[in-house]
Amino acid sequence: MERIREVWEKLDRFLKEVRSELKKVTWPQKKEIIGSTVVVIISVFIVAFFLGLVDVTLQRMLSYLIR
């Protein structure tokens, strides 16, 4: 029984500390979120294009070597 009480006290303390830390967080504004999302999407397209180009190039080189 004492062990259960100890666990609940630790959990309670942890949750209070979490709430305290969350109050200190500076959340990004909508404009910042949109800007970051655009950067991520553009970066993904650039990397995907590059990997696709490398894949096609290696595929053609391999097929040339096999023939």
C-alpha atoms as a PDB file:
ATOM      1  CA  MET A   1       0.000   0.000   0.000  1.00  0.00           C
ATOM      2  CA  GLU A   2       2.855   2.342   0.838  1.00  0.00           C
ATOM      3  CA  ARG A   3       4.457   1.593  -2.527  1.00  0.00           C
ATOM      4  CA  ILE A   4       1.290   2.609  -4.392  1.00  0.00           C
ATOM      5  CA  ARG A   5       1.086   5.879  -2.475  1.00  0.00           C
ATOM      6  CA  GLU A   6       4.740   6.579  -3.281  1.00  0.00           C
ATOM      7  CA  VAL A   7       4.148   5.954  -6.988  1.00  0.00           C
ATOM      8  CA  TRP A   8       1.107   8.264  -7.019  1.00  0.00           C
ATOM      9  CA  GLU A   9       3.068  11.013  -5.244  1.00  0.00           C
ATOM     10  CA  LYS A  10       5.864  10.756  -7.790  1.00  0.00           C
ATOM     11  CA  LEU A  11       3.359  10.843 -10.635  1.00  0.00           C
ATOM     12  CA  ASP A  12       1.631  13.867  -9.131  1.00  0.00           C
ATOM     13  CA  ARG A  13       4.931  15.699  -8.711  1.00  0.00           C
ATOM     14  CA  PHE A  14       5.950  14.817 -12.270  1.00  0.00           C
ATOM     15  CA  LEU A  15       2.693  16.124 -13.740  1.00  0.00           C
ATOM     16  CA  LYS A  16       2.975  19.374 -11.757  1.00  0.00           C
ATOM     17  CA  GLU A  17       6.512  19.864 -13.076  1.00  0.00           C
ATOM     18  CA  VAL A  18       5.328  19.152 -16.619  1.00  0.00           C
ATOM     19  CA  ARG A  19       2.601  21.766 -16.288  1.00  0.00           C
ATOM     20  CA  SER A  20       5.118  24.256 -14.894  1.00  0.00           C
ATOM     21  CA  GLU A  21       7.538  23.666 -17.775  1.00  0.00           C
ATOM     22  CA  LEU A  22       4.793  23.920 -20.392  1.00  0.00           C
ATOM     23  CA  LYS A  23       3.928  27.377 -19.086  1.00  0.00           C
ATOM     24  CA  LYS A  24       7.501  28.461 -19.902  1.00  0.00           C
ATOM     25  CA  VAL A  25       7.298  27.313 -23.537  1.00  0.00           C
ATOM     26  CA  THR A  26       7.163  29.982 -26.232  1.00  0.00           C
ATOM     27  CA  TRP A  27       4.810  28.579 -28.834  1.00  0.00           C
ATOM     28  CA  PRO A  28       5.396  29.578 -32.473  1.00  0.00           C
ATOM     29  CA  GLN A  29       3.040  31.952 -34.212  1.00  0.00           C
ATOM     30  CA  LYS A  30       0.912  30.867 -37.173  1.00  0.00           C
ATOM     31  CA  LYS A  31       3.192  32.725 -39.606  1.00  0.00           C
ATOM     32  CA  GLU A  32       6.259  30.851 -38.299  1.00  0.00           C
ATOM     33  CA  ILE A  33       4.511  27.491 -38.579  1.00  0.00           C
ATOM     34  CA  ILE A  34       3.445  28.158 -42.168  1.00  0.00           C
ATOM     35  CA  GLY A  35       6.960  29.313 -43.110  1.00  0.00           C
ATOM     36  CA  SER A  36       8.571  26.246 -41.572  1.00  0.00           C
ATOM     37  CA  THR A  37       6.062  23.942 -43.257  1.00  0.00           C
ATOM     38  CA  VAL A  38       6.780  25.487 -46.650  1.00  0.00           C
ATOM     39  CA  VAL A  39      10.519  25.028 -46.132  1.00  0.00           C
ATOM     40  CA  VAL A  40      10.037  21.366 -45.192  1.00  0.00           C
ATOM     41  CA  ILE A  41       7.785  20.653 -48.187  1.00  0.00           C
ATOM     42  CA  ILE A  42      10.183  22.320 -50.636  1.00  0.00           C
ATOM     43  CA  SER A  43      13.133  20.459 -49.091  1.00  0.00           C
ATOM     44  CA  VAL A  44      11.309  17.136 -49.430  1.00  0.00           C
ATOM     45  CA  PHE A  45      10.598  17.789 -53.111  1.00  0.00           C
ATOM     46  CA  ILE A  46      14.229  18.749 -53.784  1.00  0.00           C
ATOM     47  CA  VAL A  47      15.579  15.634 -52.049  1.00  0.00           C
ATOM     48  CA  ALA A  48      13.007  13.422 -53.783  1.00  0.00           C
ATOM     49  CA  PHE A  49      13.961  14.860 -57.179  1.00  0.00           C
ATOM     50  CA  PHE A  50      17.656  14.371 -56.461  1.00  0.00           C
ATOM     51  CA  LEU A  51      17.184  10.765 -55.302  1.00  0.00           C
ATOM     52  CA  GLY A  52      14.985  10.041 -58.322  1.00  0.00           C
ATOM     53  CA  LEU A  53      17.670  11.439 -60.609  1.00  0.00           C
ATOM     54  CA  VAL A  54      20.366   9.359 -58.915  1.00  0.00           C
ATOM     55  CA  ASP A  55      18.154   6.256 -59.144  1.00  0.00           C
ATOM     56  CA  VAL A  56      17.503   6.711 -62.872  1.00  0.00           C
ATOM     57  CA  THR A  57      21.183   7.410 -63.534  1.00  0.00           C
ATOM     58  CA  LEU A  58      22.360   4.330 -61.640  1.00  0.00           C
ATOM     59  CA  GLN A  59      19.687   2.201 -63.296  1.00  0.00           C
ATOM     60  CA  ARG A  60      20.820   3.266 -66.773  1.00  0.00           C
ATOM     61  CA  MET A  61      24.482   2.757 -65.878  1.00  0.00           C
ATOM     62  CA  LEU A  62      23.749  -0.727 -64.561  1.00  0.00           C
ATOM     63  CA  SER A  63      21.705  -1.679 -67.611  1.00  0.00           C
ATOM     64  CA  TYR A  64      24.538  -0.381 -69.849  1.00  0.00           C
ATOM     65  CA  LEU A  65      27.091  -2.502 -67.943  1.00  0.00           C
ATOM     66  CA  ILE A  66      24.930  -5.627 -68.099  1.00  0.00           C
ATOM     67  CA  ARG A  67      24.543  -5.467 -71.896  1.00  0.00           C
END
